[in-house]
C-alpha atoms as a PDB file:
ATOM      1  CA  UNK A   1     -20.096 -18.346 -17.773  1.00  0.00           C
ATOM      2  CA  UNK A   2     -18.834 -14.937 -17.833  1.00  0.00           C
ATOM      3  CA  UNK A   3     -18.558 -13.110 -21.162  1.00  0.00           C
ATOM      4  CA  UNK A   4     -15.016 -11.529 -20.849  1.00  0.00           C
ATOM      5  CA  UNK A   5     -15.140 -10.192 -24.383  1.00  0.00           C
ATOM      6  CA  UNK A   6     -15.469  -6.631 -23.390  1.00  0.00           C
ATOM      7  CA  UNK A   7     -12.383  -6.713 -21.034  1.00  0.00           C
ATOM      8  CA  UNK A   8     -10.194  -8.599 -23.501  1.00  0.00           C
ATOM      9  CA  UNK A   9     -10.954  -6.005 -26.160  1.00  0.00           C
ATOM     10  CA  UNK A  10      -9.572  -3.416 -23.757  1.00  0.00           C
ATOM     11  CA  UNK A  11      -6.525  -5.543 -23.047  1.00  0.00           C
ATOM     12  CA  UNK A  12      -7.461  -6.168 -19.384  1.00  0.00           C
ATOM     13  CA  UNK A  13      -5.716  -9.398 -18.391  1.00  0.00           C
ATOM     14  CA  UNK A  14      -8.046 -11.891 -16.552  1.00  0.00           C
ATOM     15  CA  UNK A  15      -6.548 -14.584 -14.502  1.00  0.00           C
ATOM     16  CA  UNK A  16      -8.713 -17.346 -13.275  1.00  0.00           C
ATOM     17  CA  UNK A  17      -7.851 -18.867  -9.775  1.00  0.00           C
ATOM     18  CA  UNK A  18      -5.163 -16.440  -9.334  1.00  0.00           C
ATOM     19  CA  UNK A  19      -2.463 -17.114  -6.697  1.00  0.00           C
ATOM     20  CA  UNK A  20      -2.136 -13.884  -4.908  1.00  0.00           C
ATOM     21  CA  UNK A  21       1.356 -14.905  -3.754  1.00  0.00           C
ATOM     22  CA  UNK A  22       2.275 -13.714  -7.298  1.00  0.00           C
ATOM     23  CA  UNK A  23       0.763 -10.312  -6.703  1.00  0.00           C
ATOM     24  CA  UNK A  24       2.442  -9.230  -3.341  1.00  0.00           C
ATOM     25  CA  UNK A  25       5.674  -8.202  -2.194  1.00  0.00           C
ATOM     26  CA  UNK A  26       5.495 -10.725   0.721  1.00  0.00           C
ATOM     27  CA  UNK A  27       5.045 -13.440  -1.992  1.00  0.00           C
ATOM     28  CA  UNK A  28       2.320 -15.050   0.426  1.00  0.00           C
ATOM     29  CA  UNK A  29      -1.148 -15.964   0.152  1.00  0.00           C
ATOM     30  CA  UNK A  30      -3.868 -18.221  -1.440  1.00  0.00           C
ATOM     31  CA  UNK A  31      -6.022 -17.826  -4.460  1.00  0.00           C
ATOM     32  CA  UNK A  32      -8.834 -15.662  -5.499  1.00  0.00           C
ATOM     33  CA  UNK A  33     -11.689 -16.758  -8.133  1.00  0.00           C
ATOM     34  CA  UNK A  34     -10.727 -14.182 -10.667  1.00  0.00           C
ATOM     35  CA  UNK A  35      -7.841 -11.349 -10.890  1.00  0.00           C
ATOM     36  CA  UNK A  36      -8.447  -8.482 -13.374  1.00  0.00           C
ATOM     37  CA  UNK A  37      -5.188  -6.792 -14.270  1.00  0.00           C
ATOM     38  CA  UNK A  38      -5.776  -2.994 -15.015  1.00  0.00           C
ATOM     39  CA  UNK A  39      -3.039  -0.485 -15.898  1.00  0.00           C
ATOM     40  CA  UNK A  40      -4.902   2.492 -17.273  1.00  0.00           C
ATOM     41  CA  UNK A  41      -7.921   4.647 -15.848  1.00  0.00           C
ATOM     42  CA  UNK A  42      -9.938   3.580 -18.775  1.00  0.00           C
ATOM     43  CA  UNK A  43      -9.344  -0.240 -18.045  1.00  0.00           C
ATOM     44  CA  UNK A  44     -10.041   0.382 -14.529  1.00  0.00           C
ATOM     45  CA  UNK A  45     -13.368   2.061 -15.010  1.00  0.00           C
ATOM     46  CA  UNK A  46     -14.586  -0.481 -17.483  1.00  0.00           C
ATOM     47  CA  UNK A  47     -13.474  -3.289 -15.175  1.00  0.00           C
ATOM     48  CA  UNK A  48     -15.388  -1.912 -12.306  1.00  0.00           C
ATOM     49  CA  UNK A  49     -18.470  -1.319 -14.473  1.00  0.00           C
ATOM     50  CA  UNK A  50     -18.187  -4.972 -15.635  1.00  0.00           C
ATOM     51  CA  UNK A  51     -18.033  -6.321 -12.028  1.00  0.00           C
ATOM     52  CA  UNK A  52     -21.126  -4.089 -11.019  1.00  0.00           C
ATOM     53  CA  UNK A  53     -23.012  -5.390 -14.012  1.00  0.00           C
ATOM     54  CA  UNK A  54     -22.110  -8.943 -13.449  1.00  0.00           C
ATOM     55  CA  UNK A  55     -22.546  -8.673  -9.556  1.00  0.00           C
ATOM     56  CA  UNK A  56     -19.145  -9.832  -9.170  1.00  0.00           C
ATOM     57  CA  UNK A  57     -17.677  -8.927  -5.527  1.00  0.00           C
ATOM     58  CA  UNK A  58     -14.150  -7.640  -5.617  1.00  0.00           C
ATOM     59  CA  UNK A  59     -11.383  -5.861  -3.854  1.00  0.00           C
ATOM     60  CA  UNK A  60      -8.843  -3.328  -5.335  1.00  0.00           C
ATOM     61  CA  UNK A  61      -5.048  -3.745  -4.720  1.00  0.00           C
ATOM     62  CA  UNK A  62      -2.093  -1.998  -6.285  1.00  0.00           C
ATOM     63  CA  UNK A  63       1.354  -3.569  -6.133  1.00  0.00           C
ATOM     64  CA  UNK A  64       0.506  -5.652  -2.927  1.00  0.00           C
ATOM     65  CA  UNK A  65       3.299  -3.851  -1.173  1.00  0.00           C
ATOM     66  CA  UNK A  66       1.747  -3.353   2.118  1.00  0.00           C
ATOM     67  CA  UNK A  67      -0.398  -6.538   2.353  1.00  0.00           C
ATOM     68  CA  UNK A  68      -0.326 -10.108   4.054  1.00  0.00           C
ATOM     69  CA  UNK A  69      -2.976 -12.260   2.105  1.00  0.00           C
ATOM     70  CA  UNK A  70      -4.369 -15.233   4.024  1.00  0.00           C
ATOM     71  CA  UNK A  71      -2.969 -18.839   3.168  1.00  0.00           C
ATOM     72  CA  UNK A  72      -6.735 -19.758   2.561  1.00  0.00           C
ATOM     73  CA  UNK A  73      -7.007 -17.158  -0.046  1.00  0.00           C
ATOM     74  CA  UNK A  74     -10.179 -15.138  -0.293  1.00  0.00           C
ATOM     75  CA  UNK A  75     -13.637 -15.741  -1.712  1.00  0.00           C
ATOM     76  CA  UNK A  76     -14.069 -12.426  -3.748  1.00  0.00           C
ATOM     77  CA  UNK A  77     -12.304 -11.435  -6.917  1.00  0.00           C
ATOM     78  CA  UNK A  78      -9.411  -8.874  -7.239  1.00  0.00           C
ATOM     79  CA  UNK A  79      -8.830  -5.831  -9.277  1.00  0.00           C
ATOM     80  CA  UNK A  80      -5.112  -5.076  -9.552  1.00  0.00           C
ATOM     81  CA  UNK A  81      -4.379  -1.592 -10.671  1.00  0.00           C
ATOM     82  CA  UNK A  82      -0.518  -1.293 -11.441  1.00  0.00           C
ATOM     83  CA  UNK A  83       0.943  -0.069 -14.649  1.00  0.00           C
ATOM     84  CA  UNK A  84       4.370  -1.112 -16.111  1.00  0.00           C
ATOM     85  CA  UNK A  85       5.141   2.401 -17.179  1.00  0.00           C
ATOM     86  CA  UNK A  86       4.389   5.995 -15.386  1.00  0.00           C
ATOM     87  CA  UNK A  87       1.125   7.615 -16.702  1.00  0.00           C
ATOM     88  CA  UNK A  88       1.571  11.211 -15.779  1.00  0.00           C
ATOM     89  CA  UNK A  89       0.576  14.570 -17.307  1.00  0.00           C
ATOM     90  CA  UNK A  90       2.084  17.885 -16.417  1.00  0.00           C
ATOM     91  CA  UNK A  91      -0.136  20.813 -16.089  1.00  0.00           C
ATOM     92  CA  UNK A  92       1.853  23.699 -14.961  1.00  0.00           C
ATOM     93  CA  UNK A  93       3.389  22.928 -11.489  1.00  0.00           C
ATOM     94  CA  UNK A  94       0.643  20.186 -11.112  1.00  0.00           C
ATOM     95  CA  UNK A  95       1.178  16.528 -11.877  1.00  0.00           C
ATOM     96  CA  UNK A  96      -1.983  14.428 -12.942  1.00  0.00           C
ATOM     97  CA  UNK A  97      -1.006  10.780 -12.104  1.00  0.00           C
ATOM     98  CA  UNK A  98      -2.822   7.643 -12.968  1.00  0.00           C
ATOM     99  CA  UNK A  99      -3.278   5.673  -9.395  1.00  0.00           C
ATOM    100  CA  UNK A 100      -1.561   2.672 -11.165  1.00  0.00           C
ATOM    101  CA  UNK A 101       1.738   4.553 -11.621  1.00  0.00           C
ATOM    102  CA  UNK A 102       4.469   3.251  -9.305  1.00  0.00           C
ATOM    103  CA  UNK A 103       5.353   5.754  -6.692  1.00  0.00           C
ATOM    104  CA  UNK A 104       8.915   5.835  -7.326  1.00  0.00           C
ATOM    105  CA  UNK A 105       8.506   6.438 -10.841  1.00  0.00           C
ATOM    106  CA  UNK A 106       6.468   9.414 -10.173  1.00  0.00           C
ATOM    107  CA  UNK A 107       9.419  10.755  -7.794  1.00  0.00           C
ATOM    108  CA  UNK A 108      11.821  10.368 -10.743  1.00  0.00           C
ATOM    109  CA  UNK A 109       9.509  12.039 -13.058  1.00  0.00           C
ATOM    110  CA  UNK A 110       9.157  15.063 -10.803  1.00  0.00           C
ATOM    111  CA  UNK A 111      12.829  15.277 -10.405  1.00  0.00           C
ATOM    112  CA  UNK A 112      13.280  15.345 -14.178  1.00  0.00           C
ATOM    113  CA  UNK A 113      10.814  17.872 -14.525  1.00  0.00           C
ATOM    114  CA  UNK A 114      12.408  19.995 -11.780  1.00  0.00           C
ATOM    115  CA  UNK A 115       9.537  19.835  -9.361  1.00  0.00           C
ATOM    116  CA  UNK A 116       9.915  19.578  -5.555  1.00  0.00           C
ATOM    117  CA  UNK A 117       7.425  17.966  -3.190  1.00  0.00           C
ATOM    118  CA  UNK A 118       7.775  14.245  -3.651  1.00  0.00           C
ATOM    119  CA  UNK A 119      11.265  13.455  -2.641  1.00  0.00           C
ATOM    120  CA  UNK A 120      10.344  12.173   0.798  1.00  0.00           C
ATOM    121  CA  UNK A 121       8.553   9.305  -1.091  1.00  0.00           C
ATOM    122  CA  UNK A 122      11.966   8.147  -2.608  1.00  0.00           C
ATOM    123  CA  UNK A 123      12.253   4.389  -2.475  1.00  0.00           C
ATOM    124  CA  UNK A 124       8.834   3.589  -1.184  1.00  0.00           C
ATOM    125  CA  UNK A 125       7.450   0.678  -3.006  1.00  0.00           C
ATOM    126  CA  UNK A 126       3.738   0.385  -4.236  1.00  0.00           C
ATOM    127  CA  UNK A 127       1.567   2.509  -6.532  1.00  0.00           C
ATOM    128  CA  UNK A 128       0.495   6.035  -6.209  1.00  0.00           C
ATOM    129  CA  UNK A 129      -3.152   4.961  -5.390  1.00  0.00           C
ATOM    130  CA  UNK A 130      -1.801   2.750  -2.559  1.00  0.00           C
ATOM    131  CA  UNK A 131       0.342   5.466  -1.337  1.00  0.00           C
ATOM    132  CA  UNK A 132      -2.424   7.900  -1.081  1.00  0.00           C
ATOM    133  CA  UNK A 133      -4.757   5.447   0.686  1.00  0.00           C
ATOM    134  CA  UNK A 134      -2.267   4.853   3.277  1.00  0.00           C
ATOM    135  CA  UNK A 135      -0.888   8.414   3.370  1.00  0.00           C
ATOM    136  CA  UNK A 136       2.593   7.114   2.808  1.00  0.00           C
ATOM    137  CA  UNK A 137       5.493   8.866   3.793  1.00  0.00           C
ATOM    138  CA  UNK A 138       9.168   9.030   5.381  1.00  0.00           C
ATOM    139  CA  UNK A 139      11.526  11.505   6.734  1.00  0.00           C
ATOM    140  CA  UNK A 140       8.641  13.563   8.344  1.00  0.00           C
ATOM    141  CA  UNK A 141       7.079  14.140   4.892  1.00  0.00           C
ATOM    142  CA  UNK A 142       3.634  12.437   3.778  1.00  0.00           C
ATOM    143  CA  UNK A 143       2.146  12.299   0.409  1.00  0.00           C
ATOM    144  CA  UNK A 144      -1.104  13.946   1.644  1.00  0.00           C
ATOM    145  CA  UNK A 145       0.921  17.127   1.892  1.00  0.00           C
ATOM    146  CA  UNK A 146       1.114  17.692  -1.787  1.00  0.00           C
ATOM    147  CA  UNK A 147      -2.136  16.119  -3.028  1.00  0.00           C
ATOM    148  CA  UNK A 148      -4.609  18.814  -4.702  1.00  0.00           C
ATOM    149  CA  UNK A 149      -7.475  16.439  -5.525  1.00  0.00           C
ATOM    150  CA  UNK A 150      -8.270  12.958  -6.065  1.00  0.00           C
ATOM    151  CA  UNK A 151     -10.370  11.241  -8.841  1.00  0.00           C
ATOM    152  CA  UNK A 152     -12.479   8.481  -7.538  1.00  0.00           C
ATOM    153  CA  UNK A 153     -15.010   5.919  -8.460  1.00  0.00           C
ATOM    154  CA  UNK A 154     -17.557   6.528  -5.516  1.00  0.00           C
ATOM    155  CA  UNK A 155     -19.372   3.123  -5.615  1.00  0.00           C
ATOM    156  CA  UNK A 156     -22.344   2.082  -3.546  1.00  0.00           C
ATOM    157  CA  UNK A 157     -21.801  -1.375  -2.450  1.00  0.00           C
ATOM    158  CA  UNK A 158     -25.588  -1.895  -2.048  1.00  0.00           C
ATOM    159  CA  UNK A 159     -26.283  -0.935  -5.749  1.00  0.00           C
ATOM    160  CA  UNK A 160     -24.732  -1.636  -9.008  1.00  0.00           C
ATOM    161  CA  UNK A 161     -24.027   1.907  -9.775  1.00  0.00           C
ATOM    162  CA  UNK A 162     -21.155   4.368  -9.538  1.00  0.00           C
ATOM    163  CA  UNK A 163     -20.084   7.947 -10.246  1.00  0.00           C
ATOM    164  CA  UNK A 164     -16.696   9.486 -11.097  1.00  0.00           C
ATOM    165  CA  UNK A 165     -16.137  12.250  -8.388  1.00  0.00           C
ATOM    166  CA  UNK A 166     -13.310  14.602  -7.829  1.00  0.00           C
ATOM    167  CA  UNK A 167     -12.490  15.283  -4.167  1.00  0.00           C
ATOM    168  CA  UNK A 168     -10.487  18.149  -3.132  1.00  0.00           C
ATOM    169  CA  UNK A 169      -7.556  17.676  -0.627  1.00  0.00           C
ATOM    170  CA  UNK A 170      -9.251  19.917   1.855  1.00  0.00           C
ATOM    171  CA  UNK A 171     -12.128  17.535   1.936  1.00  0.00           C
ATOM    172  CA  UNK A 172      -9.803  14.551   2.460  1.00  0.00           C
ATOM    173  CA  UNK A 173      -8.903  14.264   6.392  1.00  0.00           C
ATOM    174  CA  UNK A 174      -5.224  12.831   5.860  1.00  0.00           C
ATOM    175  CA  UNK A 175      -3.578  11.723   9.226  1.00  0.00           C
ATOM    176  CA  UNK A 176      -0.503   9.858   9.919  1.00  0.00           C
ATOM    177  CA  UNK A 177      -0.379   6.709   7.587  1.00  0.00           C
ATOM    178  CA  UNK A 178      -4.120   7.148   7.124  1.00  0.00           C
ATOM    179  CA  UNK A 179      -6.767   8.558   4.842  1.00  0.00           C
ATOM    180  CA  UNK A 180     -10.591   8.305   4.543  1.00  0.00           C
ATOM    181  CA  UNK A 181      -9.959   5.963   1.725  1.00  0.00           C
ATOM    182  CA  UNK A 182      -9.328   3.072   4.185  1.00  0.00           C
ATOM    183  CA  UNK A 183     -12.988   3.353   5.382  1.00  0.00           C
ATOM    184  CA  UNK A 184     -14.948   4.147   2.321  1.00  0.00           C
ATOM    185  CA  UNK A 185     -15.855   2.208  -0.852  1.00  0.00           C
ATOM    186  CA  UNK A 186     -14.096   5.001  -2.969  1.00  0.00           C
ATOM    187  CA  UNK A 187     -11.633   3.729  -5.681  1.00  0.00           C
ATOM    188  CA  UNK A 188      -8.813   6.149  -6.797  1.00  0.00           C
ATOM    189  CA  UNK A 189      -8.554   6.484 -10.390  1.00  0.00           C
ATOM    190  CA  UNK A 190      -6.043   9.380 -10.518  1.00  0.00           C
ATOM    191  CA  UNK A 191      -4.461  12.077  -8.277  1.00  0.00           C
ATOM    192  CA  UNK A 192      -3.487  15.563  -8.845  1.00  0.00           C
ATOM    193  CA  UNK A 193      -0.470  16.882  -7.104  1.00  0.00           C
ATOM    194  CA  UNK A 194       0.380  20.445  -6.458  1.00  0.00           C
ATOM    195  CA  UNK A 195       4.288  20.868  -6.494  1.00  0.00           C
ATOM    196  CA  UNK A 196       6.796  23.708  -6.540  1.00  0.00           C
ATOM    197  CA  UNK A 197       9.632  24.539  -9.064  1.00  0.00           C
ATOM    198  CA  UNK A 198      12.940  23.729  -8.023  1.00  0.00           C
ATOM    199  CA  UNK A 199      16.353  22.645  -9.599  1.00  0.00           C
ATOM    200  CA  UNK A 200      17.142  19.180 -10.682  1.00  0.00           C
ATOM    201  CA  UNK A 201      20.576  18.705  -9.131  1.00  0.00           C
ATOM    202  CA  UNK A 202      19.739  19.029  -5.491  1.00  0.00           C
ATOM    203  CA  UNK A 203      16.691  17.186  -6.067  1.00  0.00           C
ATOM    204  CA  UNK A 204      18.503  14.172  -7.605  1.00  0.00           C
ATOM    205  CA  UNK A 205      21.200  14.644  -4.792  1.00  0.00           C
ATOM    206  CA  UNK A 206      18.437  14.312  -2.047  1.00  0.00           C
ATOM    207  CA  UNK A 207      16.987  11.329  -3.880  1.00  0.00           C
ATOM    208  CA  UNK A 208      19.967   9.491  -4.025  1.00  0.00           C
ATOM    209  CA  UNK A 209      20.921  10.250  -0.360  1.00  0.00           C
ATOM    210  CA  UNK A 210      17.372   8.826   0.618  1.00  0.00           C
ATOM    211  CA  UNK A 211      17.918   5.702  -1.501  1.00  0.00           C
ATOM    212  CA  UNK A 212      21.188   5.090   0.373  1.00  0.00           C
ATOM    213  CA  UNK A 213      19.846   5.509   3.811  1.00  0.00           C
ATOM    214  CA  UNK A 214      16.933   3.175   2.866  1.00  0.00           C
ATOM    215  CA  UNK A 215      19.497   0.417   1.545  1.00  0.00           C
ATOM    216  CA  UNK A 216      21.399   0.604   4.834  1.00  0.00           C
ATOM    217  CA  UNK A 217      18.271  -0.466   6.954  1.00  0.00           C
ATOM    218  CA  UNK A 218      15.660  -1.635   4.661  1.00  0.00           C
ATOM    219  CA  UNK A 219      15.806  -5.142   2.961  1.00  0.00           C
ATOM    220  CA  UNK A 220      15.197  -5.380  -0.840  1.00  0.00           C
ATOM    221  CA  UNK A 221      11.887  -7.086  -1.028  1.00  0.00           C
ATOM    222  CA  UNK A 222      13.001  -8.841  -4.059  1.00  0.00           C
ATOM    223  CA  UNK A 223      15.487 -10.702  -1.982  1.00  0.00           C
ATOM    224  CA  UNK A 224      13.692 -10.716   1.435  1.00  0.00           C
ATOM    225  CA  UNK A 225      10.052 -10.782   0.661  1.00  0.00           C
ATOM    226  CA  UNK A 226       8.288  -8.367   2.933  1.00  0.00           C
ATOM    227  CA  UNK A 227       6.070  -5.357   3.278  1.00  0.00           C
ATOM    228  CA  UNK A 228       8.473  -2.882   4.757  1.00  0.00           C
ATOM    229  CA  UNK A 229       7.586  -1.394   8.167  1.00  0.00           C
ATOM    230  CA  UNK A 230       5.067  -3.401   9.855  1.00  0.00           C
ATOM    231  CA  UNK A 231       3.934  -1.018  12.556  1.00  0.00           C
ATOM    232  CA  UNK A 232       3.290   2.663  12.642  1.00  0.00           C
ATOM    233  CA  UNK A 233       5.593   4.796  14.546  1.00  0.00           C
ATOM    234  CA  UNK A 234       4.404   5.793  18.119  1.00  0.00           C
ATOM    235  CA  UNK A 235       2.458   8.843  18.584  1.00  0.00           C
ATOM    236  CA  UNK A 236       3.697  11.443  20.932  1.00  0.00           C
ATOM    237  CA  UNK A 237       2.720  10.892  24.655  1.00  0.00           C
ATOM    238  CA  UNK A 238       3.715  12.697  27.813  1.00  0.00           C
ATOM    239  CA  UNK A 239       7.033  10.966  27.686  1.00  0.00           C
ATOM    240  CA  UNK A 240       7.674  11.787  23.958  1.00  0.00           C
ATOM    241  CA  UNK A 241       7.236  15.086  22.487  1.00  0.00           C
ATOM    242  CA  UNK A 242       7.355  13.670  19.183  1.00  0.00           C
ATOM    243  CA  UNK A 243       6.559  10.451  17.263  1.00  0.00           C
ATOM    244  CA  UNK A 244       9.126   7.724  18.067  1.00  0.00           C
ATOM    245  CA  UNK A 245      10.239   4.935  15.938  1.00  0.00           C
ATOM    246  CA  UNK A 246       8.286   1.547  16.497  1.00  0.00           C
ATOM    247  CA  UNK A 247      11.501  -0.142  15.507  1.00  0.00           C
ATOM    248  CA  UNK A 248      13.285   1.493  18.567  1.00  0.00           C
ATOM    249  CA  UNK A 249      10.663   0.010  21.053  1.00  0.00           C
ATOM    250  CA  UNK A 250      10.770  -3.454  19.196  1.00  0.00           C
ATOM    251  CA  UNK A 251      14.430  -3.671  19.493  1.00  0.00           C
ATOM    252  CA  UNK A 252      14.438  -2.753  23.103  1.00  0.00           C
ATOM    253  CA  UNK A 253      11.838  -5.421  23.681  1.00  0.00           C
ATOM    254  CA  UNK A 254      13.850  -8.117  22.056  1.00  0.00           C
ATOM    255  CA  UNK A 255      11.951  -8.463  18.620  1.00  0.00           C
ATOM    256  CA  UNK A 256      15.017  -9.013  16.678  1.00  0.00           C
ATOM    257  CA  UNK A 257      15.518 -12.490  18.370  1.00  0.00           C
ATOM    258  CA  UNK A 258      12.010 -13.690  17.297  1.00  0.00           C
ATOM    259  CA  UNK A 259      10.689 -15.882  14.589  1.00  0.00           C
ATOM    260  CA  UNK A 260       7.464 -17.812  13.871  1.00  0.00           C
ATOM    261  CA  UNK A 261       7.703 -20.648  11.373  1.00  0.00           C
ATOM    262  CA  UNK A 262       9.358 -19.103   8.296  1.00  0.00           C
ATOM    263  CA  UNK A 263       8.679 -15.491   9.453  1.00  0.00           C
ATOM    264  CA  UNK A 264      11.624 -13.663  10.783  1.00  0.00           C
ATOM    265  CA  UNK A 265      12.581 -10.170  11.929  1.00  0.00           C
ATOM    266  CA  UNK A 266      15.117  -8.472   9.876  1.00  0.00           C
ATOM    267  CA  UNK A 267      18.433  -8.046  11.504  1.00  0.00           C
ATOM    268  CA  UNK A 268      18.825  -4.546  10.762  1.00  0.00           C
ATOM    269  CA  UNK A 269      15.453  -3.340  11.600  1.00  0.00           C
ATOM    270  CA  UNK A 270      13.189  -4.625  14.257  1.00  0.00           C
ATOM    271  CA  UNK A 271      10.030  -3.349  12.566  1.00  0.00           C
ATOM    272  CA  UNK A 272      10.464  -5.467   9.523  1.00  0.00           C
ATOM    273  CA  UNK A 273       9.174  -9.010   9.133  1.00  0.00           C
ATOM    274  CA  UNK A 274      10.281 -10.973   6.195  1.00  0.00           C
ATOM    275  CA  UNK A 275       9.616 -14.462   4.596  1.00  0.00           C
ATOM    276  CA  UNK A 276      12.219 -17.029   4.753  1.00  0.00           C
ATOM    277  CA  UNK A 277      12.035 -20.647   3.550  1.00  0.00           C
ATOM    278  CA  UNK A 278       8.749 -22.355   4.385  1.00  0.00           C
ATOM    279  CA  UNK A 279       7.002 -19.151   5.583  1.00  0.00           C
ATOM    280  CA  UNK A 280       3.166 -19.009   5.623  1.00  0.00           C
ATOM    281  CA  UNK A 281       1.006 -15.909   5.938  1.00  0.00           C
ATOM    282  CA  UNK A 282      -0.149 -17.264   9.226  1.00  0.00           C
ATOM    283  CA  UNK A 283       3.490 -17.305  10.587  1.00  0.00           C
ATOM    284  CA  UNK A 284       3.727 -13.492   9.752  1.00  0.00           C
ATOM    285  CA  UNK A 285       0.424 -12.999  11.604  1.00  0.00           C
ATOM    286  CA  UNK A 286       1.518 -14.923  14.638  1.00  0.00           C
ATOM    287  CA  UNK A 287       4.900 -13.184  14.607  1.00  0.00           C
ATOM    288  CA  UNK A 288       3.474  -9.758  14.479  1.00  0.00           C
ATOM    289  CA  UNK A 289       1.166 -10.482  17.560  1.00  0.00           C
ATOM    290  CA  UNK A 290       4.136 -11.611  19.553  1.00  0.00           C
ATOM    291  CA  UNK A 291       6.046  -8.358  18.601  1.00  0.00           C
ATOM    292  CA  UNK A 292       3.124  -6.217  19.600  1.00  0.00           C
ATOM    293  CA  UNK A 293       2.633  -8.184  22.929  1.00  0.00           C
ATOM    294  CA  UNK A 294       6.330  -7.669  23.940  1.00  0.00           C
ATOM    295  CA  UNK A 295       6.198  -3.907  23.530  1.00  0.00           C
ATOM    296  CA  UNK A 296       2.734  -3.807  25.233  1.00  0.00           C
ATOM    297  CA  UNK A 297       4.335  -5.828  28.188  1.00  0.00           C
ATOM    298  CA  UNK A 298       7.420  -3.760  28.329  1.00  0.00           C
ATOM    299  CA  UNK A 299       6.295  -0.204  27.557  1.00  0.00           C
ATOM    300  CA  UNK A 300       2.556  -0.478  27.927  1.00  0.00           C
ATOM    301  CA  UNK A 301       2.178   0.811  24.313  1.00  0.00           C
ATOM    302  CA  UNK A 302      -0.170  -0.542  21.753  1.00  0.00           C
ATOM    303  CA  UNK A 303       1.542  -0.698  18.469  1.00  0.00           C
ATOM    304  CA  UNK A 304      -0.812   0.011  15.409  1.00  0.00           C
ATOM    305  CA  UNK A 305      -0.096  -1.905  12.163  1.00  0.00           C
ATOM    306  CA  UNK A 306       0.699  -0.253   8.820  1.00  0.00           C
ATOM    307  CA  UNK A 307       0.558  -3.558   7.093  1.00  0.00           C
ATOM    308  CA  UNK A 308      -2.966  -4.764   6.253  1.00  0.00           C
ATOM    309  CA  UNK A 309      -4.225  -8.415   6.431  1.00  0.00           C
ATOM    310  CA  UNK A 310      -6.284  -9.816   3.677  1.00  0.00           C
ATOM    311  CA  UNK A 311      -8.809 -12.771   4.484  1.00  0.00           C
ATOM    312  CA  UNK A 312      -8.987 -14.923   7.500  1.00  0.00           C
ATOM    313  CA  UNK A 313      -6.336 -15.952  10.025  1.00  0.00           C
ATOM    314  CA  UNK A 314      -6.363 -18.043  12.918  1.00  0.00           C
ATOM    315  CA  UNK A 315      -6.522 -16.003  16.027  1.00  0.00           C
ATOM    316  CA  UNK A 316      -7.886 -12.942  14.409  1.00  0.00           C
ATOM    317  CA  UNK A 317     -10.394 -10.762  16.229  1.00  0.00           C
ATOM    318  CA  UNK A 318     -13.908 -12.191  15.887  1.00  0.00           C
ATOM    319  CA  UNK A 319     -15.354  -8.767  15.178  1.00  0.00           C
ATOM    320  CA  UNK A 320     -13.551  -8.419  11.872  1.00  0.00           C
ATOM    321  CA  UNK A 321     -15.930  -8.810   9.020  1.00  0.00           C
ATOM    322  CA  UNK A 322     -14.161  -6.958   6.169  1.00  0.00           C
ATOM    323  CA  UNK A 323     -11.672  -8.517   3.787  1.00  0.00           C
ATOM    324  CA  UNK A 324      -8.920  -5.857   4.459  1.00  0.00           C
ATOM    325  CA  UNK A 325      -8.223  -5.351   8.226  1.00  0.00           C
END
C-alpha cells in the first residue's frame, strides 16, 4: 500500500482508478491506476520524486486538450499539471510562467502588462507546458518564437534519479507544431518568455479580433468535445510556396460528410473531429484514418496529426510501443 502522506501534505490530489475522460477536452478515454493532480512547480517536482522513489511508471499531461485517450485506458499512472489560476512572475520584459498555467491566462496577463509577443496564442486551449511541447501557434506565429529558456526535470527512465535543468531556446530545435520535448523524457516545469513593450489597447483589440475569428470556425469544446485542429497544415511543396491549411484539402476530399460511430467532422471546419452521442475514442481514431486516406487518394498528400493518441487502438501501427503516439 502506497504511503501518500507526503503528497497529501503538499495538497496534491490523488485519484485512484481515475477516468481519463474527465481530464481531456475530448471527454473520452478509459481509466488509469492513479492520477496525481499538481498545480505548482513544487508539487510537480515532489510528485515526480515520489514516483521515482516508489518506482511508479507515469505519463505527464496538462489540460488534455490535444489528446485522444484509448477506451481501454492505460496501465501507467498520470501526473496532471494544470493550475486553476495563473502562476506568473514578471522580470523586466520577461515573464516566468509555471508550465501548469493556462495559455490564454498567460496571453491576458501579457496584455494587461503591456507586453507583446503572445497574442497569436489567443484562445488556444491548454497549458503553457503543453503549448511549448507542441510549439502551439496560429496566424503565422508560434510560441517557440518568444521562448527564452525552459526549466525542466530531465529524468532518466532507466534510473530513479533526475535533475532540474534550464535549457536555453537556442538549444531547443523548435519546428512547426513540434519541439524536442515530444521525443525526450524531459518534463517542463516552467518557461521564461522574452517579450516586447507595447500598448494595451491595440493588444486587447487584436486579442478580441482573434477570438472572434476562432468563434466563427472553431467549436467551443465545452459544447462540442474535441481537440481542435486534428492534422497539421500541409508543408510547402513544388505546387505550394507556403504552408496550406489541412482543412482545405480535407474539405475538397469530402471529409465534412464523414462520420464514424459517434465521431463527426465539424460542419464549419473540416479539420476538426468532435464527439457526439455514443462516441468512443476508437471512433475518433477510425474517422481520422478515413480522413487522412481521402486526402492521400485525392492529392497524394500524407497528413500529419497534431492530436496525439494515448494507449492502444484497434488498427494502430504495430511498431508503436510508447503510450503517447
